[in-house]
C-alpha atoms as a PDB file:
ATOM      1  CA  GLN A   1      -3.765  -4.518 -33.237  1.00  0.00           C
ATOM      2  CA  VAL A   2      -2.280  -6.202 -29.977  1.00  0.00           C
ATOM      3  CA  GLN A   3      -3.480  -5.540 -26.554  1.00  0.00           C
ATOM      4  CA  LEU A   4      -2.329  -6.666 -23.317  1.00  0.00           C
ATOM      5  CA  VAL A   5      -4.665  -5.753 -20.638  1.00  0.00           C
ATOM      6  CA  GLU A   6      -4.303  -6.235 -16.988  1.00  0.00           C
ATOM      7  CA  SER A   7      -6.567  -6.106 -13.943  1.00  0.00           C
ATOM      8  CA  GLY A   8      -6.472  -6.806 -10.261  1.00  0.00           C
ATOM      9  CA  GLY A   9      -3.525  -4.546  -8.837  1.00  0.00           C
ATOM     10  CA  GLY A  10      -4.037  -2.894  -5.378  1.00  0.00           C
ATOM     11  CA  LEU A  11      -3.016  -2.078  -1.897  1.00  0.00           C
ATOM     12  CA  VAL A  12      -2.840  -5.273   0.135  1.00  0.00           C
ATOM     13  CA  GLN A  13      -1.337  -5.930   3.674  1.00  0.00           C
ATOM     14  CA  PRO A  14       1.233  -8.247   4.132  1.00  0.00           C
ATOM     15  CA  GLY A  15       0.451 -11.821   4.105  1.00  0.00           C
ATOM     16  CA  GLU A  16      -2.578 -11.286   1.905  1.00  0.00           C
ATOM     17  CA  SER A  17      -3.398 -12.195  -1.439  1.00  0.00           C
ATOM     18  CA  LEU A  18      -4.062 -10.915  -4.863  1.00  0.00           C
ATOM     19  CA  ARG A  19      -4.805 -12.329  -8.157  1.00  0.00           C
ATOM     20  CA  LEU A  20      -3.766 -10.212 -11.678  1.00  0.00           C
ATOM     21  CA  SER A  21      -5.276 -11.071 -15.060  1.00  0.00           C
ATOM     22  CA  CYS A  22      -4.169 -10.191 -17.939  1.00  0.00           C
ATOM     23  CA  THR A  23      -6.149 -10.533 -21.219  1.00  0.00           C
ATOM     24  CA  ALA A  24      -4.563 -10.592 -24.314  1.00  0.00           C
ATOM     25  CA  SER A  25      -6.276  -9.775 -27.951  1.00  0.00           C
ATOM     26  CA  GLY A  26      -4.578  -9.838 -31.434  1.00  0.00           C
ATOM     27  CA  ILE A  27      -2.752 -12.710 -31.149  1.00  0.00           C
ATOM     28  CA  ILE A  28      -2.806 -16.177 -31.245  1.00  0.00           C
ATOM     29  CA  PHE A  29      -2.656 -17.099 -27.519  1.00  0.00           C
ATOM     30  CA  ARG A  30      -2.345 -20.871 -28.332  1.00  0.00           C
ATOM     31  CA  VAL A  31       1.031 -20.404 -29.643  1.00  0.00           C
ATOM     32  CA  THR A  32       2.158 -17.532 -27.372  1.00  0.00           C
ATOM     33  CA  ASP A  33       4.357 -17.755 -24.193  1.00  0.00           C
ATOM     34  CA  MET A  34       2.746 -15.395 -21.228  1.00  0.00           C
ATOM     35  CA  GLY A  35       4.768 -14.123 -18.756  1.00  0.00           C
ATOM     36  CA  TRP A  36       4.880 -11.328 -15.710  1.00  0.00           C
ATOM     37  CA  TYR A  37       7.364  -9.187 -14.884  1.00  0.00           C
ATOM     38  CA  ARG A  38       7.708  -6.711 -12.048  1.00  0.00           C
ATOM     39  CA  GLN A  39       9.889  -3.527 -12.094  1.00  0.00           C
ATOM     40  CA  ALA A  40      10.036  -1.502  -8.335  1.00  0.00           C
ATOM     41  CA  PRO A  41      11.590   2.222  -8.409  1.00  0.00           C
ATOM     42  CA  GLY A  42      14.808   2.282  -9.115  1.00  0.00           C
ATOM     43  CA  LYS A  43      15.275  -1.528  -9.977  1.00  0.00           C
ATOM     44  CA  GLN A  44      15.108  -3.514 -13.016  1.00  0.00           C
ATOM     45  CA  ARG A  45      12.294  -5.009 -14.358  1.00  0.00           C
ATOM     46  CA  GLU A  46      12.671  -8.920 -13.556  1.00  0.00           C
ATOM     47  CA  LEU A  47      10.769 -11.931 -14.626  1.00  0.00           C
ATOM     48  CA  ILE A  48       8.433 -13.570 -11.525  1.00  0.00           C
ATOM     49  CA  ALA A  49       6.602 -16.068 -14.115  1.00  0.00           C
ATOM     50  CA  ARG A  50       6.501 -17.607 -17.487  1.00  0.00           C
ATOM     51  CA  SER A  51       3.591 -20.066 -18.702  1.00  0.00           C
ATOM     52  CA  THR A  52       4.597 -21.376 -21.815  1.00  0.00           C
ATOM     53  CA  SER A  53       2.563 -22.390 -25.205  1.00  0.00           C
ATOM     54  CA  GLY A  54       3.382 -25.800 -24.105  1.00  0.00           C
ATOM     55  CA  GLY A  55       1.977 -25.653 -20.806  1.00  0.00           C
ATOM     56  CA  LEU A  56       4.983 -25.307 -18.499  1.00  0.00           C
ATOM     57  CA  ALA A  57       5.684 -22.781 -15.920  1.00  0.00           C
ATOM     58  CA  ASN A  58       8.837 -21.349 -14.484  1.00  0.00           C
ATOM     59  CA  TYR A  59       8.966 -18.734 -11.769  1.00  0.00           C
ATOM     60  CA  GLY A  60      11.531 -16.500 -10.025  1.00  0.00           C
ATOM     61  CA  ASP A  61      13.228 -17.248  -6.879  1.00  0.00           C
ATOM     62  CA  SER A  62      11.931 -14.879  -4.890  1.00  0.00           C
ATOM     63  CA  VAL A  63       8.450 -15.821  -5.695  1.00  0.00           C
ATOM     64  CA  LYS A  64       8.687 -19.714  -6.045  1.00  0.00           C
ATOM     65  CA  GLY A  65       6.281 -21.324  -3.566  1.00  0.00           C
ATOM     66  CA  ARG A  66       3.780 -18.119  -3.430  1.00  0.00           C
ATOM     67  CA  PHE A  67       3.099 -17.065  -6.733  1.00  0.00           C
ATOM     68  CA  THR A  68       1.207 -19.419  -9.110  1.00  0.00           C
ATOM     69  CA  ILE A  69       0.764 -18.457 -12.989  1.00  0.00           C
ATOM     70  CA  SER A  70      -1.858 -20.166 -14.995  1.00  0.00           C
ATOM     71  CA  ARG A  71      -3.839 -19.593 -18.381  1.00  0.00           C
ATOM     72  CA  ASP A  72      -7.018 -20.407 -19.963  1.00  0.00           C
ATOM     73  CA  ASN A  73      -6.418 -20.440 -23.824  1.00  0.00           C
ATOM     74  CA  ALA A  74     -10.354 -20.044 -24.236  1.00  0.00           C
ATOM     75  CA  LYS A  75     -10.244 -16.672 -22.814  1.00  0.00           C
ATOM     76  CA  ASN A  76      -6.980 -15.641 -23.964  1.00  0.00           C
ATOM     77  CA  THR A  77      -6.206 -14.959 -20.219  1.00  0.00           C
ATOM     78  CA  VAL A  78      -3.115 -15.559 -18.096  1.00  0.00           C
ATOM     79  CA  TYR A  79      -3.535 -15.219 -14.248  1.00  0.00           C
ATOM     80  CA  LEU A  80      -0.878 -14.987 -11.361  1.00  0.00           C
ATOM     81  CA  GLN A  81      -2.196 -15.651  -8.038  1.00  0.00           C
ATOM     82  CA  MET A  82       0.143 -13.835  -5.400  1.00  0.00           C
ATOM     83  CA  ASN A  83      -0.283 -15.233  -1.972  1.00  0.00           C
ATOM     84  CA  SER A  84       1.627 -14.125   1.027  1.00  0.00           C
ATOM     85  CA  LEU A  85       2.720 -10.851  -0.364  1.00  0.00           C
ATOM     86  CA  LYS A  86       5.604  -9.152   1.314  1.00  0.00           C
ATOM     87  CA  PRO A  87       6.246  -5.387   1.262  1.00  0.00           C
ATOM     88  CA  GLU A  88       9.222  -6.227  -1.030  1.00  0.00           C
ATOM     89  CA  ASP A  89       6.373  -7.732  -3.363  1.00  0.00           C
ATOM     90  CA  THR A  90       5.728  -4.000  -4.260  1.00  0.00           C
ATOM     91  CA  ALA A  91       5.906  -2.810  -7.533  1.00  0.00           C
ATOM     92  CA  VAL A  92       4.337  -2.448 -11.044  1.00  0.00           C
ATOM     93  CA  TYR A  93       3.441  -5.481 -12.511  1.00  0.00           C
ATOM     94  CA  TYR A  94       3.695  -5.776 -16.385  1.00  0.00           C
ATOM     95  CA  CYS A  95       2.244  -8.626 -18.382  1.00  0.00           C
ATOM     96  CA  ASN A  96       4.569  -9.944 -21.490  1.00  0.00           C
ATOM     97  CA  ALA A  97       3.281 -12.073 -24.354  1.00  0.00           C
ATOM     98  CA  VAL A  98       5.992 -13.646 -26.743  1.00  0.00           C
ATOM     99  CA  GLU A  99       4.151 -15.201 -29.625  1.00  0.00           C
ATOM    100  CA  PHE A 100       5.777 -17.833 -31.894  1.00  0.00           C
ATOM    101  CA  ARG A 101       4.734 -18.177 -35.553  1.00  0.00           C
ATOM    102  CA  ALA A 102       6.039 -20.102 -38.128  1.00  0.00           C
ATOM    103  CA  VAL A 103       6.593 -17.638 -40.788  1.00  0.00           C
ATOM    104  CA  ARG A 104       8.123 -15.073 -38.658  1.00  0.00           C
ATOM    105  CA  PRO A 105      10.448 -14.258 -35.815  1.00  0.00           C
ATOM    106  CA  PRO A 106       9.014 -14.078 -32.369  1.00  0.00           C
ATOM    107  CA  SER A 107       7.077 -11.308 -31.167  1.00  0.00           C
ATOM    108  CA  THR A 108       6.949  -9.503 -28.051  1.00  0.00           C
ATOM    109  CA  TYR A 109       4.335  -7.316 -26.449  1.00  0.00           C
ATOM    110  CA  TRP A 110       3.941  -5.432 -23.473  1.00  0.00           C
ATOM    111  CA  GLY A 111       0.896  -4.740 -21.193  1.00  0.00           C
ATOM    112  CA  GLN A 112       0.709  -1.112 -19.172  1.00  0.00           C
ATOM    113  CA  GLY A 113       1.281  -2.427 -16.012  1.00  0.00           C
ATOM    114  CA  THR A 114      -0.482  -2.366 -12.595  1.00  0.00           C
ATOM    115  CA  GLN A 115       0.221  -1.431  -9.468  1.00  0.00           C
ATOM    116  CA  VAL A 116       0.926  -3.627  -6.385  1.00  0.00           C
ATOM    117  CA  THR A 117       1.600  -2.461  -2.757  1.00  0.00           C
ATOM    118  CA  VAL A 118       1.825  -4.477   0.196  1.00  0.00           C
ATOM    119  CA  SER A 119       1.852  -2.264   2.915  1.00  0.00           C
ATOM    120  CA  SER A 120       0.498  -2.349   6.764  1.00  0.00           C
END
């Protein structure tokens, strides 16, 4: 059974930082692309950052230069360091995993989400 467990959300003031973590189980982490998405009320879910199994990272335009994604393959964990947070960063943040195996099509999994609120 695949599980993605997120942690690290909370309430912060504008300009502050948070670090989200997502620990995966039940997948082969080293062949899995890991990503973070977010969804604000009334808006579509959007990609924030992605870390490929090959070590590449890419970011959504709204967070470039402020957020950093990293992964620890030994711990099956992906992180999202969020700096200079803004009120518009307020959303539920979801961990995403896309596992690539040679014997089947890619499999996509989601975490349960963690709330990030940026407010003074």
